[in-house]
C-alpha atoms as a PDB file:
ATOM      1  CA  MET A   1      12.289  90.865 -23.914  1.00  0.00           C
ATOM      2  CA  ALA A   2      14.349  89.846 -20.785  1.00  0.00           C
ATOM      3  CA  PRO A   3      12.908  90.468 -17.436  1.00  0.00           C
ATOM      4  CA  VAL A   4      14.149  92.440 -14.633  1.00  0.00           C
ATOM      5  CA  VAL A   5      12.502  90.642 -12.116  1.00  0.00           C
ATOM      6  CA  ALA A   6      10.849  87.075 -11.838  1.00  0.00           C
ATOM      7  CA  ARG A   7       7.374  87.271 -13.419  1.00  0.00           C
ATOM      8  CA  VAL A   8       4.670  85.476 -11.675  1.00  0.00           C
ATOM      9  CA  THR A   9       1.356  84.797 -13.707  1.00  0.00           C
ATOM     10  CA  LYS A  10      -1.869  86.509 -12.273  1.00  0.00           C
ATOM     11  CA  LYS A  11      -5.098  85.237 -13.367  1.00  0.00           C
ATOM     12  CA  GLU A  12      -6.456  88.787 -13.919  1.00  0.00           C
ATOM     13  CA  ALA A  13      -3.668  89.445 -16.102  1.00  0.00           C
ATOM     14  CA  LEU A  14      -3.805  86.382 -17.772  1.00  0.00           C
ATOM     15  CA  LEU A  15      -7.356  86.970 -18.859  1.00  0.00           C
ATOM     16  CA  GLU A  16      -6.567  90.376 -20.384  1.00  0.00           C
ATOM     17  CA  ALA A  17      -3.267  89.076 -22.139  1.00  0.00           C
ATOM     18  CA  GLN A  18      -5.345  86.189 -23.681  1.00  0.00           C
ATOM     19  CA  LYS A  19      -7.749  88.603 -25.208  1.00  0.00           C
ATOM     20  CA  GLU A  20      -4.949  90.614 -26.854  1.00  0.00           C
ATOM     21  CA  VAL A  21      -3.206  87.433 -28.051  1.00  0.00           C
ATOM     22  CA  ALA A  22      -6.325  86.589 -29.898  1.00  0.00           C
ATOM     23  CA  GLU A  23      -6.697  89.845 -31.374  1.00  0.00           C
ATOM     24  CA  LEU A  24      -3.025  89.819 -32.556  1.00  0.00           C
ATOM     25  CA  ILE A  25      -3.146  86.282 -34.058  1.00  0.00           C
ATOM     26  CA  LYS A  26      -6.614  87.391 -36.040  1.00  0.00           C
ATOM     27  CA  SER A  27      -4.968  90.546 -37.392  1.00  0.00           C
ATOM     28  CA  LYS A  28      -1.461  89.235 -38.285  1.00  0.00           C
ATOM     29  CA  HIS A  29      -2.645  85.693 -39.153  1.00  0.00           C
ATOM     30  CA  CYS A  30       0.416  84.461 -37.169  1.00  0.00           C
ATOM     31  CA  ASN A  31      -0.993  81.196 -35.743  1.00  0.00           C
ATOM     32  CA  PRO A  32       1.676  79.168 -37.030  1.00  0.00           C
ATOM     33  CA  ILE A  33       4.859  80.832 -35.998  1.00  0.00           C
ATOM     34  CA  VAL A  34       3.528  81.469 -32.181  1.00  0.00           C
ATOM     35  CA  VAL A  35       2.647  77.833 -32.146  1.00  0.00           C
ATOM     36  CA  ARG A  36       6.311  77.200 -33.270  1.00  0.00           C
ATOM     37  CA  LEU A  37       7.670  79.343 -30.723  1.00  0.00           C
ATOM     38  CA  ALA A  38       5.973  77.706 -28.037  1.00  0.00           C
ATOM     39  CA  TRP A  39       6.759  74.124 -29.429  1.00  0.00           C
ATOM     40  CA  HIS A  40      10.600  75.067 -29.747  1.00  0.00           C
ATOM     41  CA  ASP A  41      10.513  76.535 -26.186  1.00  0.00           C
ATOM     42  CA  SER A  42       9.163  73.134 -24.723  1.00  0.00           C
ATOM     43  CA  GLY A  43      10.898  70.793 -27.322  1.00  0.00           C
ATOM     44  CA  SER A  44      14.418  71.679 -25.970  1.00  0.00           C
ATOM     45  CA  TYR A  45      13.606  69.302 -22.857  1.00  0.00           C
ATOM     46  CA  ASP A  46      16.045  66.504 -21.866  1.00  0.00           C
ATOM     47  CA  LYS A  47      14.385  64.036 -19.321  1.00  0.00           C
ATOM     48  CA  ASN A  48      17.890  62.895 -18.524  1.00  0.00           C
ATOM     49  CA  VAL A  49      18.867  66.348 -17.157  1.00  0.00           C
ATOM     50  CA  LYS A  50      17.390  66.674 -13.584  1.00  0.00           C
ATOM     51  CA  GLU A  51      18.729  70.348 -12.891  1.00  0.00           C
ATOM     52  CA  TRP A  52      16.113  72.941 -13.558  1.00  0.00           C
ATOM     53  CA  PRO A  53      16.240  75.098 -16.088  1.00  0.00           C
ATOM     54  CA  ARG A  54      19.148  73.416 -17.597  1.00  0.00           C
ATOM     55  CA  CYS A  55      16.738  70.446 -18.224  1.00  0.00           C
ATOM     56  CA  GLY A  56      15.071  72.679 -20.936  1.00  0.00           C
ATOM     57  CA  GLY A  57      11.116  72.942 -21.428  1.00  0.00           C
ATOM     58  CA  ALA A  58       8.658  75.193 -21.357  1.00  0.00           C
ATOM     59  CA  ASN A  59      10.395  77.762 -19.183  1.00  0.00           C
ATOM     60  CA  GLY A  60      10.536  80.846 -21.327  1.00  0.00           C
ATOM     61  CA  SER A  61      14.475  80.371 -22.188  1.00  0.00           C
ATOM     62  CA  ILE A  62      13.836  80.783 -25.982  1.00  0.00           C
ATOM     63  CA  ARG A  63      13.641  84.490 -25.598  1.00  0.00           C
ATOM     64  CA  PHE A  64      17.364  84.689 -24.683  1.00  0.00           C
ATOM     65  CA  TYR A  65      20.670  84.733 -26.618  1.00  0.00           C
ATOM     66  CA  PRO A  66      21.968  82.209 -27.616  1.00  0.00           C
ATOM     67  CA  GLU A  67      18.994  79.829 -27.560  1.00  0.00           C
ATOM     68  CA  ILE A  68      16.990  82.055 -30.037  1.00  0.00           C
ATOM     69  CA  THR A  69      19.864  81.890 -32.527  1.00  0.00           C
ATOM     70  CA  HIS A  70      20.133  77.931 -32.652  1.00  0.00           C
ATOM     71  CA  ASN A  71      19.526  76.739 -36.198  1.00  0.00           C
ATOM     72  CA  ALA A  72      16.311  75.225 -35.512  1.00  0.00           C
ATOM     73  CA  ASN A  73      14.810  78.624 -34.250  1.00  0.00           C
ATOM     74  CA  ALA A  74      15.492  80.708 -37.368  1.00  0.00           C
ATOM     75  CA  GLY A  75      12.840  83.122 -37.857  1.00  0.00           C
ATOM     76  CA  LEU A  76      11.383  82.848 -34.307  1.00  0.00           C
ATOM     77  CA  SER A  77      12.841  86.274 -33.328  1.00  0.00           C
ATOM     78  CA  ASP A  78       9.890  87.406 -35.389  1.00  0.00           C
ATOM     79  CA  ALA A  79       7.495  85.703 -33.081  1.00  0.00           C
ATOM     80  CA  LEU A  80       9.191  87.083 -30.054  1.00  0.00           C
ATOM     81  CA  GLU A  81       8.869  90.701 -31.667  1.00  0.00           C
ATOM     82  CA  LEU A  82       5.018  90.066 -32.392  1.00  0.00           C
ATOM     83  CA  LEU A  83       4.420  89.243 -28.908  1.00  0.00           C
ATOM     84  CA  LYS A  84       6.773  91.899 -27.362  1.00  0.00           C
ATOM     85  CA  GLY A  85       4.028  94.473 -26.926  1.00  0.00           C
ATOM     86  CA  ILE A  86       1.581  92.168 -24.905  1.00  0.00           C
ATOM     87  CA  ALA A  87       4.773  90.877 -22.870  1.00  0.00           C
ATOM     88  CA  ASP A  88       5.607  94.432 -21.987  1.00  0.00           C
ATOM     89  CA  LYS A  89       2.105  95.223 -20.980  1.00  0.00           C
ATOM     90  CA  TYR A  90       1.331  92.276 -18.936  1.00  0.00           C
ATOM     91  CA  GLU A  91       4.219  91.676 -16.617  1.00  0.00           C
ATOM     92  CA  GLY A  92       1.795  89.712 -14.464  1.00  0.00           C
ATOM     93  CA  VAL A  93       2.227  86.858 -17.184  1.00  0.00           C
ATOM     94  CA  SER A  94       5.227  84.800 -17.091  1.00  0.00           C
ATOM     95  CA  TYR A  95       6.958  84.644 -20.538  1.00  0.00           C
ATOM     96  CA  ALA A  96       6.866  80.866 -20.622  1.00  0.00           C
ATOM     97  CA  ASP A  97       2.945  81.063 -19.806  1.00  0.00           C
ATOM     98  CA  LEU A  98       2.645  83.710 -22.530  1.00  0.00           C
ATOM     99  CA  PHE A  99       4.281  81.530 -25.138  1.00  0.00           C
ATOM    100  CA  GLN A 100       2.245  78.463 -24.432  1.00  0.00           C
ATOM    101  CA  LEU A 101      -0.986  80.725 -24.252  1.00  0.00           C
ATOM    102  CA  ALA A 102      -0.374  82.028 -27.700  1.00  0.00           C
ATOM    103  CA  SER A 103      -0.016  78.668 -29.067  1.00  0.00           C
ATOM    104  CA  VAL A 104      -3.158  77.112 -27.801  1.00  0.00           C
ATOM    105  CA  THR A 105      -4.982  80.200 -28.800  1.00  0.00           C
ATOM    106  CA  GLY A 106      -3.489  79.934 -32.294  1.00  0.00           C
ATOM    107  CA  ILE A 107      -4.572  76.394 -32.807  1.00  0.00           C
ATOM    108  CA  GLU A 108      -8.229  76.929 -31.432  1.00  0.00           C
ATOM    109  CA  LEU A 109      -8.741  80.046 -33.881  1.00  0.00           C
ATOM    110  CA  ALA A 110      -7.438  77.983 -36.722  1.00  0.00           C
ATOM    111  CA  GLY A 111     -10.298  75.426 -36.006  1.00  0.00           C
ATOM    112  CA  GLY A 112      -8.229  72.960 -34.053  1.00  0.00           C
ATOM    113  CA  PRO A 113      -9.219  71.571 -30.418  1.00  0.00           C
ATOM    114  CA  LYS A 114      -9.629  73.685 -27.417  1.00  0.00           C
ATOM    115  CA  ILE A 115      -6.523  72.638 -25.309  1.00  0.00           C
ATOM    116  CA  PRO A 116      -7.053  73.045 -21.508  1.00  0.00           C
ATOM    117  CA  LEU A 117      -3.731  74.390 -20.860  1.00  0.00           C
ATOM    118  CA  ARG A 118      -2.441  74.882 -17.246  1.00  0.00           C
ATOM    119  CA  PHE A 119      -0.654  78.093 -16.223  1.00  0.00           C
ATOM    120  CA  GLY A 120       1.774  79.074 -13.340  1.00  0.00           C
ATOM    121  CA  ARG A 121       5.075  78.234 -15.116  1.00  0.00           C
ATOM    122  CA  LYS A 122       7.994  79.831 -13.648  1.00  0.00           C
ATOM    123  CA  ASP A 123      10.674  81.707 -16.084  1.00  0.00           C
ATOM    124  CA  THR A 124      14.261  81.066 -16.532  1.00  0.00           C
ATOM    125  CA  GLU A 125      15.664  84.450 -15.489  1.00  0.00           C
ATOM    126  CA  ASN A 126      18.889  84.497 -17.586  1.00  0.00           C
ATOM    127  CA  PRO A 127      20.686  82.949 -20.553  1.00  0.00           C
ATOM    128  CA  GLU A 128      22.445  80.596 -18.260  1.00  0.00           C
ATOM    129  CA  GLY A 129      19.277  78.869 -18.124  1.00  0.00           C
ATOM    130  CA  CYS A 130      19.231  77.925 -22.118  1.00  0.00           C
ATOM    131  CA  ALA A 131      19.213  74.516 -23.198  1.00  0.00           C
ATOM    132  CA  PRO A 132      22.224  73.528 -25.719  1.00  0.00           C
ATOM    133  CA  GLU A 133      22.018  73.517 -29.295  1.00  0.00           C
ATOM    134  CA  GLY A 134      20.757  70.357 -31.068  1.00  0.00           C
ATOM    135  CA  ASN A 135      17.858  69.416 -29.038  1.00  0.00           C
ATOM    136  CA  LEU A 136      15.204  70.060 -31.586  1.00  0.00           C
ATOM    137  CA  PRO A 137      14.352  67.838 -34.650  1.00  0.00           C
ATOM    138  CA  ALA A 138      15.790  68.225 -37.963  1.00  0.00           C
ATOM    139  CA  GLY A 139      13.796  68.095 -41.097  1.00  0.00           C
ATOM    140  CA  GLY A 140      16.362  66.286 -43.290  1.00  0.00           C
ATOM    141  CA  ALA A 141      19.785  64.814 -43.699  1.00  0.00           C
ATOM    142  CA  PRO A 142      22.515  64.886 -42.520  1.00  0.00           C
ATOM    143  CA  TRP A 143      21.076  63.242 -39.504  1.00  0.00           C
ATOM    144  CA  PRO A 144      22.669  63.764 -36.114  1.00  0.00           C
ATOM    145  CA  ALA A 145      24.466  60.769 -35.011  1.00  0.00           C
ATOM    146  CA  PRO A 146      23.553  57.780 -34.129  1.00  0.00           C
ATOM    147  CA  ALA A 147      20.388  58.114 -36.291  1.00  0.00           C
ATOM    148  CA  LYS A 148      20.606  56.571 -39.633  1.00  0.00           C
ATOM    149  CA  GLY A 149      17.590  57.842 -40.985  1.00  0.00           C
ATOM    150  CA  PRO A 150      14.457  60.122 -40.115  1.00  0.00           C
ATOM    151  CA  GLY A 151      12.775  57.557 -38.248  1.00  0.00           C
ATOM    152  CA  ASP A 152      15.688  57.002 -35.784  1.00  0.00           C
ATOM    153  CA  HIS A 153      16.102  60.869 -35.801  1.00  0.00           C
ATOM    154  CA  LEU A 154      12.463  61.413 -34.574  1.00  0.00           C
ATOM    155  CA  ARG A 155      12.737  58.761 -31.905  1.00  0.00           C
ATOM    156  CA  ASN A 156      15.956  59.983 -30.608  1.00  0.00           C
ATOM    157  CA  VAL A 157      14.633  63.475 -30.109  1.00  0.00           C
ATOM    158  CA  PHE A 158      11.264  62.748 -28.907  1.00  0.00           C
ATOM    159  CA  TYR A 159      12.203  59.704 -26.692  1.00  0.00           C
ATOM    160  CA  ARG A 160      14.609  62.175 -25.051  1.00  0.00           C
ATOM    161  CA  MET A 161      11.742  64.216 -24.147  1.00  0.00           C
ATOM    162  CA  GLY A 162       9.738  61.350 -23.107  1.00  0.00           C
ATOM    163  CA  PHE A 163       7.202  60.740 -25.964  1.00  0.00           C
ATOM    164  CA  ASN A 164       6.372  57.475 -27.520  1.00  0.00           C
ATOM    165  CA  ASP A 165       5.522  56.676 -31.311  1.00  0.00           C
ATOM    166  CA  GLN A 166       1.903  57.394 -31.156  1.00  0.00           C
ATOM    167  CA  GLU A 167       2.771  60.811 -29.554  1.00  0.00           C
ATOM    168  CA  ILE A 168       5.438  61.642 -32.040  1.00  0.00           C
ATOM    169  CA  VAL A 169       2.897  61.059 -34.854  1.00  0.00           C
ATOM    170  CA  ALA A 170       0.113  63.130 -33.243  1.00  0.00           C
ATOM    171  CA  LEU A 171       2.482  66.093 -32.739  1.00  0.00           C
ATOM    172  CA  SER A 172       3.847  66.003 -36.084  1.00  0.00           C
ATOM    173  CA  GLY A 173       0.188  66.821 -37.069  1.00  0.00           C
ATOM    174  CA  ALA A 174       0.754  70.408 -36.124  1.00  0.00           C
ATOM    175  CA  HIS A 175       2.368  70.862 -39.363  1.00  0.00           C
ATOM    176  CA  THR A 176      -1.032  71.255 -40.809  1.00  0.00           C
ATOM    177  CA  LEU A 177      -0.349  74.823 -39.682  1.00  0.00           C
ATOM    178  CA  GLY A 178       2.271  77.068 -41.462  1.00  0.00           C
ATOM    179  CA  ARG A 179       5.170  76.892 -44.099  1.00  0.00           C
ATOM    180  CA  VAL A 180       8.835  76.200 -44.355  1.00  0.00           C
ATOM    181  CA  LYS A 181      11.201  78.835 -45.934  1.00  0.00           C
ATOM    182  CA  PRO A 182      14.307  78.184 -47.840  1.00  0.00           C
ATOM    183  CA  SER A 183      15.860  81.240 -46.009  1.00  0.00           C
ATOM    184  CA  ARG A 184      15.302  79.680 -42.753  1.00  0.00           C
ATOM    185  CA  SER A 185      15.477  76.045 -42.919  1.00  0.00           C
ATOM    186  CA  GLY A 186      16.796  75.416 -46.397  1.00  0.00           C
ATOM    187  CA  PHE A 187      13.538  73.370 -47.249  1.00  0.00           C
ATOM    188  CA  GLY A 188      10.817  74.262 -49.657  1.00  0.00           C
ATOM    189  CA  LYS A 189      10.200  76.831 -52.248  1.00  0.00           C
ATOM    190  CA  GLU A 190      10.525  80.478 -52.319  1.00  0.00           C
ATOM    191  CA  LYS A 191       6.644  80.559 -52.919  1.00  0.00           C
ATOM    192  CA  THR A 192       3.900  78.279 -54.208  1.00  0.00           C
ATOM    193  CA  LYS A 193       0.407  79.024 -55.577  1.00  0.00           C
ATOM    194  CA  TYR A 194      -0.847  78.593 -51.776  1.00  0.00           C
ATOM    195  CA  THR A 195       1.590  81.042 -50.274  1.00  0.00           C
ATOM    196  CA  GLU A 196       2.591  83.651 -52.913  1.00  0.00           C
ATOM    197  CA  ASN A 197       0.049  85.940 -51.544  1.00  0.00           C
ATOM    198  CA  GLY A 198       0.240  85.541 -47.869  1.00  0.00           C
ATOM    199  CA  PRO A 199      -1.770  86.186 -45.833  1.00  0.00           C
ATOM    200  CA  GLY A 200       0.832  87.777 -43.607  1.00  0.00           C
ATOM    201  CA  ASN A 201       4.490  87.647 -44.772  1.00  0.00           C
ATOM    202  CA  PRO A 202       4.144  85.772 -48.246  1.00  0.00           C
ATOM    203  CA  GLY A 203       6.079  82.847 -49.618  1.00  0.00           C
ATOM    204  CA  GLY A 204       7.558  79.499 -48.449  1.00  0.00           C
ATOM    205  CA  SER A 205       6.136  76.124 -49.228  1.00  0.00           C
ATOM    206  CA  SER A 206       3.083  74.837 -46.859  1.00  0.00           C
ATOM    207  CA  TRP A 207       2.290  71.053 -46.121  1.00  0.00           C
ATOM    208  CA  THR A 208      -1.195  71.798 -46.586  1.00  0.00           C
ATOM    209  CA  ALA A 209      -3.318  74.025 -49.137  1.00  0.00           C
ATOM    210  CA  GLU A 210      -5.220  75.567 -46.373  1.00  0.00           C
ATOM    211  CA  TRP A 211      -2.189  76.301 -44.131  1.00  0.00           C
ATOM    212  CA  LEU A 212      -3.998  78.430 -41.610  1.00  0.00           C
ATOM    213  CA  LYS A 213      -6.445  75.633 -40.983  1.00  0.00           C
ATOM    214  CA  PHE A 214      -6.009  73.175 -38.063  1.00  0.00           C
ATOM    215  CA  ASP A 215      -7.208  69.789 -39.245  1.00  0.00           C
ATOM    216  CA  ASN A 216      -6.069  66.416 -40.331  1.00  0.00           C
ATOM    217  CA  SER A 217      -5.222  67.333 -43.868  1.00  0.00           C
ATOM    218  CA  TYR A 218      -1.500  67.100 -43.112  1.00  0.00           C
ATOM    219  CA  PHE A 219      -1.973  63.218 -42.773  1.00  0.00           C
ATOM    220  CA  LYS A 220      -3.843  62.829 -45.911  1.00  0.00           C
ATOM    221  CA  ASP A 221      -1.670  65.050 -48.139  1.00  0.00           C
ATOM    222  CA  VAL A 222       1.596  63.554 -46.832  1.00  0.00           C
ATOM    223  CA  LYS A 223       0.302  60.130 -47.647  1.00  0.00           C
ATOM    224  CA  GLU A 224      -1.018  60.958 -51.049  1.00  0.00           C
ATOM    225  CA  GLN A 225       1.719  63.245 -52.039  1.00  0.00           C
ATOM    226  CA  SER A 226      -0.153  64.277 -55.093  1.00  0.00           C
ATOM    227  CA  ASP A 227       0.377  68.079 -55.138  1.00  0.00           C
ATOM    228  CA  PRO A 228       3.884  69.129 -56.056  1.00  0.00           C
ATOM    229  CA  GLU A 229       3.267  72.585 -54.621  1.00  0.00           C
ATOM    230  CA  LEU A 230       2.980  71.184 -51.146  1.00  0.00           C
ATOM    231  CA  VAL A 231       6.064  70.198 -48.928  1.00  0.00           C
ATOM    232  CA  VAL A 232       6.911  66.857 -47.775  1.00  0.00           C
ATOM    233  CA  LEU A 233      10.048  66.585 -45.589  1.00  0.00           C
ATOM    234  CA  GLU A 234      11.836  63.402 -44.885  1.00  0.00           C
ATOM    235  CA  THR A 235      10.557  63.410 -41.332  1.00  0.00           C
ATOM    236  CA  ASP A 236       6.906  63.797 -42.646  1.00  0.00           C
ATOM    237  CA  ASN A 237       7.147  61.095 -45.272  1.00  0.00           C
ATOM    238  CA  VAL A 238       8.558  58.490 -42.752  1.00  0.00           C
ATOM    239  CA  LEU A 239       5.363  58.590 -40.630  1.00  0.00           C
ATOM    240  CA  HIS A 240       3.489  56.649 -43.469  1.00  0.00           C
ATOM    241  CA  LYS A 241       6.572  54.465 -44.174  1.00  0.00           C
ATOM    242  CA  ASP A 242       7.970  53.400 -40.677  1.00  0.00           C
ATOM    243  CA  ASP A 243       5.984  50.318 -39.293  1.00  0.00           C
ATOM    244  CA  GLY A 244       5.911  51.880 -35.681  1.00  0.00           C
ATOM    245  CA  PHE A 245       4.571  55.206 -37.047  1.00  0.00           C
ATOM    246  CA  ARG A 246       2.196  54.265 -39.900  1.00  0.00           C
ATOM    247  CA  PRO A 247      -0.695  52.683 -37.960  1.00  0.00           C
ATOM    248  CA  TYR A 248      -1.176  55.971 -36.263  1.00  0.00           C
ATOM    249  CA  ALA A 249      -0.640  58.127 -39.189  1.00  0.00           C
ATOM    250  CA  GLU A 250      -3.317  56.180 -40.985  1.00  0.00           C
ATOM    251  CA  LYS A 251      -5.457  56.385 -38.129  1.00  0.00           C
ATOM    252  CA  TYR A 252      -5.303  60.202 -38.064  1.00  0.00           C
ATOM    253  CA  ALA A 253      -5.632  60.625 -41.990  1.00  0.00           C
ATOM    254  CA  ALA A 254      -8.939  58.745 -41.630  1.00  0.00           C
ATOM    255  CA  ASP A 255     -10.339  60.221 -38.464  1.00  0.00           C
ATOM    256  CA  GLN A 256     -10.084  63.786 -37.563  1.00  0.00           C
ATOM    257  CA  GLU A 257     -11.654  63.345 -34.208  1.00  0.00           C
ATOM    258  CA  ALA A 258      -9.163  60.786 -33.175  1.00  0.00           C
ATOM    259  CA  PHE A 259      -6.404  63.173 -34.186  1.00  0.00           C
ATOM    260  CA  PHE A 260      -7.725  66.009 -32.132  1.00  0.00           C
ATOM    261  CA  LYS A 261      -8.263  63.845 -29.036  1.00  0.00           C
ATOM    262  CA  ASP A 262      -4.557  62.523 -29.178  1.00  0.00           C
ATOM    263  CA  TYR A 263      -2.960  65.682 -30.312  1.00  0.00           C
ATOM    264  CA  THR A 264      -4.504  67.636 -27.492  1.00  0.00           C
ATOM    265  CA  ALA A 265      -3.117  65.105 -24.887  1.00  0.00           C
ATOM    266  CA  ALA A 266       0.259  65.221 -26.538  1.00  0.00           C
ATOM    267  CA  HIS A 267       0.272  69.009 -26.770  1.00  0.00           C
ATOM    268  CA  LEU A 268      -0.758  69.200 -23.120  1.00  0.00           C
ATOM    269  CA  LYS A 269       2.291  67.001 -22.104  1.00  0.00           C
ATOM    270  CA  LEU A 270       4.669  69.084 -24.462  1.00  0.00           C
ATOM    271  CA  SER A 271       3.483  72.321 -22.786  1.00  0.00           C
ATOM    272  CA  GLU A 272       4.498  71.062 -19.452  1.00  0.00           C
ATOM    273  CA  LEU A 273       7.981  69.525 -20.180  1.00  0.00           C
ATOM    274  CA  GLY A 274      10.421  70.685 -17.737  1.00  0.00           C
ATOM    275  CA  VAL A 275       8.122  73.051 -15.966  1.00  0.00           C
ATOM    276  CA  GLN A 276       8.377  74.196 -12.384  1.00  0.00           C
ATOM    277  CA  TRP A 277       5.244  75.867 -11.107  1.00  0.00           C
ATOM    278  CA  GLU A 278       5.053  79.051  -8.859  1.00  0.00           C
ATOM    279  CA  GLU A 279       2.254  77.247  -7.075  1.00  0.00           C
ATOM    280  CA  THR A 280      -0.647  75.086  -7.862  1.00  0.00           C
ATOM    281  CA  PRO A 281      -1.083  75.311 -11.692  1.00  0.00           C
ATOM    282  CA  PHE A 282      -4.749  76.544 -12.682  1.00  0.00           C
ATOM    283  CA  THR A 283      -6.588  76.660 -15.900  1.00  0.00           C
ATOM    284  CA  PHE A 284      -8.018  79.512 -18.156  1.00  0.00           C
ATOM    285  CA  GLU A 285     -11.585  78.231 -17.091  1.00  0.00           C
ATOM    286  CA  GLU A 286     -10.488  78.694 -13.346  1.00  0.00           C
ATOM    287  CA  CYS A 287      -9.542  82.255 -14.297  1.00  0.00           C
ATOM    288  CA  LEU A 288     -12.859  83.050 -15.729  1.00  0.00           C
ATOM    289  CA  ASN A 289     -14.843  81.383 -12.764  1.00  0.00           C
ATOM    290  CA  CYS A 290     -12.659  83.257 -10.213  1.00  0.00           C
ATOM    291  CA  ASN A 291     -13.824  86.705 -11.776  1.00  0.00           C
ATOM    292  CA  GLY A 292     -17.551  85.869 -11.749  1.00  0.00           C
ATOM    293  CA  ALA A 293     -17.957  84.900 -15.350  1.00  0.00           C
ATOM    294  CA  THR A 294     -18.770  81.674 -16.882  1.00  0.00           C
ATOM    295  CA  ALA A 295     -16.415  79.363 -18.845  1.00  0.00           C
END
């Protein structure tokens, strides 16, 4: 998926690409993996590195070797392959924008909030712009130094990006979508009663029973831990154990509207980490309006 020349997102191309992204997600039930792709492209960001694109963030660098082969990105080459046809067809959409567009489309189609993403991200154009290995969170021990446990580890990773405890918990709620697979992360089971028949590629362990539905059940299920068929990683469990995280996890378990509101704000921030804009960023609604349609 490497570009020959720099790609600049055009509003007309973005509108057409979004339609095909939505159809792809509906047909392949690939909401979780496209959310993860965008998340991992953004989550490489280091606020302490001032040079772009070496600072990481939502710059499309995950499409390059070696970043796509980083341990935390296992399986995400499948997401790149899913989006390849759309990427090849719409050269008027940057890779960074396409990945983020797919993510918010997947969340909305799963019943989650409509996230008013902004577009116009510049792509990093070669592997020299890739972030280093180890910038993304791990699900279990051994924890990278100097973390002594899952709470320390989450803070080390997310504080480096510029997030606070509330935003860490809100973003963790995206685990309401998807599964972990032993072949990729070493976590979970080969299959459960919720995943053995798919949809899509079957198998793995989900955090929730309805793992293609975006809601607040993640926080409820992690708190209760009453279903052995559902996975709970150490970085999930700590959200209800740590004094700094617990109030937010309890709040989101009790109030889905509050979760959606806070998740939307945190996701927007995540989607703009380390971004350089081609020009003034624009929204999807502005694209619709400029084409004489109504948002």
